Amino acid sequence: MIYPEDDLLPISAMQHLEFCPRQCALIHLEGIWDENRLTAEGRIQHDRAHTLQREFSEGVLIARSLRLHSFRLGLVGQADVVEFLQLSEGDHGGVSLEGLSGKWQLFPVEYKRGRAKQGKCDIVQLCAQAICLEEMLDTTVYKGALFYCRQRRRKEVVFNHDIRRKTEETARRLHELISKGKTPNVRYDKKCLNCSLLTHCMPKVTGVRKNLEHYLHGSEEAYGEHE
């Protein structure tokens, strides 16, 4: 499927959806966003990544704030950093860059506050950036990295078949969530404590409500059976 430009959704919403569908809907359907200490630190790290201009470092061309899009996945956004690694003569693949000789392999880097998370929410966001670069530049992006600022280290990510399939499925779910226009309920979880939308979300209340509705629905069915 090819999405029209007006239907492109933020790449960042992929991470929100994988982290929590309700958080994603609150941000991208209801327009709710509160900044806490964690999100403020993350924003500052992203701002630092975006303030420097393109530069060469040890033979690597570094591009910041590169605009991205994929009409196939229906996504639009911005890469924190894309590194262009010069390939050796005779290597296959890569892209040509105006004013520079040889071919260059792309390597996207996404900056994250704190430590590596469980699950694939950050990986899916990074892979979506890679797929955008592939579509825009007609190339293959094999690897990228997540840079966790608290740990001051990179986590390299290989964009294998399973990760790509997961990313495409997440993009499909994102469009489905937005098209339905309904904010889902969720169960309370430990990760809720670190969410800046905790007071808006009220997961303990909505989770209880969801269970209560299920109980009442079951009670009505049981009552009908005994009439």
Protein backbone atom coordinates (compact mmCIF):
# COMPACT_ATOMS: atom_id res chain seq x y z
CA MET A 1 0.00 0.00 0.00
CA ILE A 2 1.15 3.52 -0.83
CA TYR A 3 -0.08 6.25 1.53
CA PRO A 4 -0.80 9.80 0.29
CA GLU A 5 1.27 12.60 1.79
CA ASP A 6 -1.63 13.86 3.91
CA ASP A 7 -1.87 10.47 5.67
CA LEU A 8 1.77 10.23 6.78
CA LEU A 9 2.14 9.73 10.55
CA PRO A 10 5.11 10.59 12.82
CA ILE A 11 7.86 8.00 13.09
CA SER A 12 8.03 8.80 16.81
CA ALA A 13 4.48 7.45 17.17
CA MET A 14 5.88 4.00 16.37
CA GLN A 15 7.85 4.08 19.62
CA HIS A 16 4.84 5.38 21.55
CA LEU A 17 2.62 2.61 20.19
CA GLU A 18 5.08 -0.16 21.03
CA PHE A 19 5.60 1.28 24.51
CA CYS A 20 1.85 1.69 25.20
CA PRO A 21 -1.11 1.98 22.78
CA ARG A 22 -2.97 4.24 25.21
CA GLN A 23 -0.02 6.63 25.48
CA CYS A 24 0.18 6.73 21.68
CA ALA A 25 -3.52 7.59 21.38
CA LEU A 26 -3.38 10.25 24.10
CA ILE A 27 -0.54 11.99 22.29
CA HIS A 28 -1.51 11.55 18.66
CA LEU A 29 -5.32 11.44 18.88
CA GLU A 30 -6.10 13.66 21.86
CA GLY A 31 -3.10 15.97 21.61
CA ILE A 32 -2.10 15.50 25.26
CA TRP A 33 1.53 15.90 26.26
CA ASP A 34 3.10 16.66 29.63
CA GLU A 35 6.82 16.94 30.17
CA ASN A 36 8.38 15.38 33.22
CA ARG A 37 12.04 15.09 34.22
CA LEU A 38 12.57 12.04 32.01
CA THR A 39 11.05 13.57 28.87
CA ALA A 40 12.86 16.87 29.50
CA GLU A 41 16.22 15.09 29.70
CA GLY A 42 15.39 13.21 26.51
CA ARG A 43 14.42 16.42 24.71
CA ILE A 44 17.66 18.10 25.76
CA GLN A 45 19.69 15.17 24.43
CA HIS A 46 17.82 15.33 21.11
CA ASP A 47 18.35 19.10 20.92
CA ARG A 48 22.08 18.62 21.41
CA ALA A 49 22.16 16.03 18.65
CA HIS A 50 20.38 18.44 16.32
CA THR A 51 22.37 21.62 17.01
CA LEU A 52 25.65 20.62 15.32
CA GLN A 53 26.04 20.90 11.56
CA ARG A 54 27.20 18.22 9.17
CA GLU A 55 30.74 17.22 9.93
CA PHE A 56 33.46 14.72 9.23
CA SER A 57 34.78 12.67 12.13
CA GLU A 58 37.49 10.06 11.54
CA GLY A 59 36.45 9.68 7.92
CA VAL A 60 32.74 9.38 8.72
CA LEU A 61 30.30 11.98 7.37
CA ILE A 62 27.73 12.84 10.06
CA ALA A 63 24.38 14.37 9.07
CA ARG A 64 21.97 15.63 11.72
CA SER A 65 18.23 16.37 11.67
CA LEU A 66 17.75 14.63 8.32
CA ARG A 67 14.11 14.70 7.24
CA LEU A 68 12.67 11.26 6.46
CA HIS A 69 9.56 9.79 4.86
CA SER A 70 8.17 6.50 3.61
CA PHE A 71 5.03 6.42 1.49
CA ARG A 72 4.99 2.63 1.75
CA LEU A 73 4.78 2.65 5.55
CA GLY A 74 2.98 5.98 5.71
CA LEU A 75 5.55 7.65 7.97
CA VAL A 76 7.36 10.98 8.22
CA GLY A 77 9.89 12.28 10.70
CA GLN A 78 13.48 13.18 11.41
CA ALA A 79 16.64 11.22 12.14
CA ASP A 80 18.80 12.37 15.04
CA VAL A 81 21.97 11.33 13.24
CA VAL A 82 22.76 9.50 10.01
CA GLU A 83 26.37 8.44 9.58
CA PHE A 84 27.72 7.87 6.07
CA LEU A 85 30.52 5.30 6.10
CA GLN A 86 32.77 5.25 3.05
CA LEU A 87 32.93 1.85 1.38
CA SER A 88 36.14 0.35 0.09
CA GLU A 89 36.66 0.20 -3.66
CA GLY A 90 34.90 -2.86 -5.02
CA ASP A 91 32.32 -3.07 -2.22
CA HIS A 92 28.74 -3.36 -3.38
CA GLY A 93 25.85 -1.14 -2.38
CA GLY A 94 25.95 2.29 -0.83
CA VAL A 95 24.99 5.66 -2.28
CA SER A 96 26.83 8.40 -4.12
CA LEU A 97 27.11 11.80 -2.43
CA GLU A 98 27.40 15.05 -4.33
CA GLY A 99 30.92 16.44 -4.19
CA LEU A 100 32.39 13.29 -2.66
CA SER A 101 34.04 10.34 -4.34
CA GLY A 102 33.18 6.69 -3.84
CA LYS A 103 30.13 5.04 -2.32
CA TRP A 104 28.81 5.51 1.21
CA GLN A 105 26.88 3.16 3.49
CA LEU A 106 24.12 4.65 5.68
CA PHE A 107 24.01 4.05 9.44
CA PRO A 108 21.19 5.80 11.40
CA VAL A 109 21.69 6.59 15.09
CA GLU A 110 18.81 7.42 17.47
CA TYR A 111 19.59 9.16 20.77
CA LYS A 112 17.71 7.98 23.86
CA ARG A 113 17.72 9.16 27.47
CA GLY A 114 18.52 6.64 30.16
CA ARG A 115 19.16 2.95 29.65
CA ALA A 116 18.16 0.33 27.11
CA LYS A 117 14.50 -0.68 27.49
CA GLN A 118 12.91 -4.08 27.47
CA GLY A 119 10.88 -4.81 24.38
CA LYS A 120 11.37 -3.45 20.89
CA CYS A 121 9.86 0.06 21.04
CA ASP A 122 13.19 1.85 20.39
CA ILE A 123 14.33 -0.75 17.84
CA VAL A 124 11.12 -0.40 15.82
CA GLN A 125 11.53 3.38 15.69
CA LEU A 126 15.12 3.05 14.48
CA CYS A 127 14.20 0.43 11.88
CA ALA A 128 11.44 2.71 10.57
CA GLN A 129 14.09 5.38 10.00
CA ALA A 130 16.21 2.87 8.09
CA ILE A 131 13.27 1.87 5.86
CA CYS A 132 12.61 5.55 5.14
CA LEU A 133 16.25 6.04 4.10
CA GLU A 134 16.07 2.97 1.88
CA GLU A 135 12.99 4.24 0.10
CA MET A 136 14.31 7.79 -0.29
CA LEU A 137 17.79 6.87 -1.53
CA ASP A 138 17.14 3.53 -3.23
CA THR A 139 19.65 1.65 -1.12
CA THR A 140 19.81 -0.96 1.64
CA VAL A 141 20.49 0.01 5.25
CA TYR A 142 21.80 -3.03 7.09
CA LYS A 143 22.51 -1.67 10.56
CA GLY A 144 22.02 1.27 12.89
CA ALA A 145 22.47 2.10 16.57
CA LEU A 146 20.64 3.34 19.63
CA PHE A 147 22.75 5.67 21.78
CA TYR A 148 21.66 5.61 25.44
CA CYS A 149 22.89 8.80 27.05
CA ARG A 150 22.91 7.63 30.67
CA GLN A 151 25.03 4.61 29.81
CA ARG A 152 27.08 6.57 27.27
CA ARG A 153 27.18 3.64 24.90
CA ARG A 154 25.72 2.44 21.65
CA LYS A 155 23.57 -0.60 21.10
CA GLU A 156 24.01 -1.77 17.54
CA VAL A 157 20.89 -3.03 15.77
CA VAL A 158 20.91 -5.30 12.72
CA PHE A 159 17.81 -4.81 10.60
CA ASN A 160 17.03 -8.45 10.00
CA HIS A 161 13.86 -9.98 8.59
CA ASP A 162 12.11 -10.30 11.96
CA ILE A 163 12.75 -6.68 12.96
CA ARG A 164 11.63 -5.40 9.57
CA ARG A 165 8.46 -7.48 9.73
CA LYS A 166 7.77 -6.20 13.26
CA THR A 167 8.30 -2.62 12.10
CA GLU A 168 5.93 -2.97 9.16
CA GLU A 169 3.30 -4.56 11.40
CA THR A 170 3.66 -1.72 13.91
CA ALA A 171 3.20 0.86 11.15
CA ARG A 172 0.02 -0.93 10.06
CA ARG A 173 -1.28 -0.98 13.65
CA LEU A 174 -0.47 2.72 14.03
CA HIS A 175 -2.56 3.67 11.00
CA GLU A 176 -5.35 1.42 12.24
CA LEU A 177 -5.32 3.08 15.68
CA ILE A 178 -5.40 6.59 14.21
CA SER A 179 -8.13 5.74 11.69
CA LYS A 180 -10.37 4.29 14.43
CA GLY A 181 -9.96 7.46 16.46
CA LYS A 182 -10.53 5.71 19.81
CA THR A 183 -8.22 5.77 22.81
CA PRO A 184 -7.85 2.22 24.20
CA ASN A 185 -7.82 1.27 27.87
CA VAL A 186 -4.80 -0.48 29.37
CA ARG A 187 -3.88 -2.33 32.53
CA TYR A 188 -1.65 -0.62 35.06
CA ASP A 189 2.01 -1.63 34.78
CA LYS A 190 5.29 -0.71 36.48
CA LYS A 191 6.34 1.28 33.42
CA CYS A 192 3.37 3.60 34.01
CA LEU A 193 5.33 5.27 36.84
CA ASN A 194 7.81 6.72 34.33
CA CYS A 195 5.15 7.97 31.91
CA SER A 196 4.64 11.74 31.79
CA LEU A 197 0.95 11.18 30.98
CA LEU A 198 0.21 9.18 34.13
CA THR A 199 -2.19 11.76 35.58
CA HIS A 200 -4.06 12.04 32.27
CA CYS A 201 -4.09 8.33 31.57
CA MET A 202 -5.21 7.08 35.02
CA PRO A 203 -4.44 3.44 34.12
CA LYS A 204 -5.66 2.11 37.47
CA VAL A 205 -9.07 3.69 36.88
CA THR A 206 -9.44 2.80 33.21
CA GLY A 207 -8.16 -0.70 33.82
CA VAL A 208 -10.71 -1.23 36.61
CA ARG A 209 -13.44 0.20 34.45
CA LYS A 210 -12.56 -2.20 31.67
CA ASN A 211 -12.69 -5.17 34.06
CA LEU A 212 -15.97 -3.94 35.54
CA GLU A 213 -17.56 -3.66 32.10
CA HIS A 214 -16.42 -7.19 31.31
CA TYR A 215 -17.86 -8.44 34.64
CA LEU A 216 -21.18 -6.69 34.10
CA HIS A 217 -21.43 -8.01 30.54
CA GLY A 218 -20.79 -11.53 31.82
CA SER A 219 -23.36 -11.12 34.59
CA GLU A 220 -26.00 -10.01 32.08
CA GLU A 221 -25.36 -13.12 29.98
CA ALA A 222 -25.57 -15.36 33.03
CA TYR A 223 -28.80 -13.68 34.14
CA GLY A 224 -30.28 -14.23 30.69
CA GLU A 225 -29.46 -17.92 30.81
CA HIS A 226 -31.43 -18.35 34.06
CA GLU A 227 -34.52 -16.48 33.01
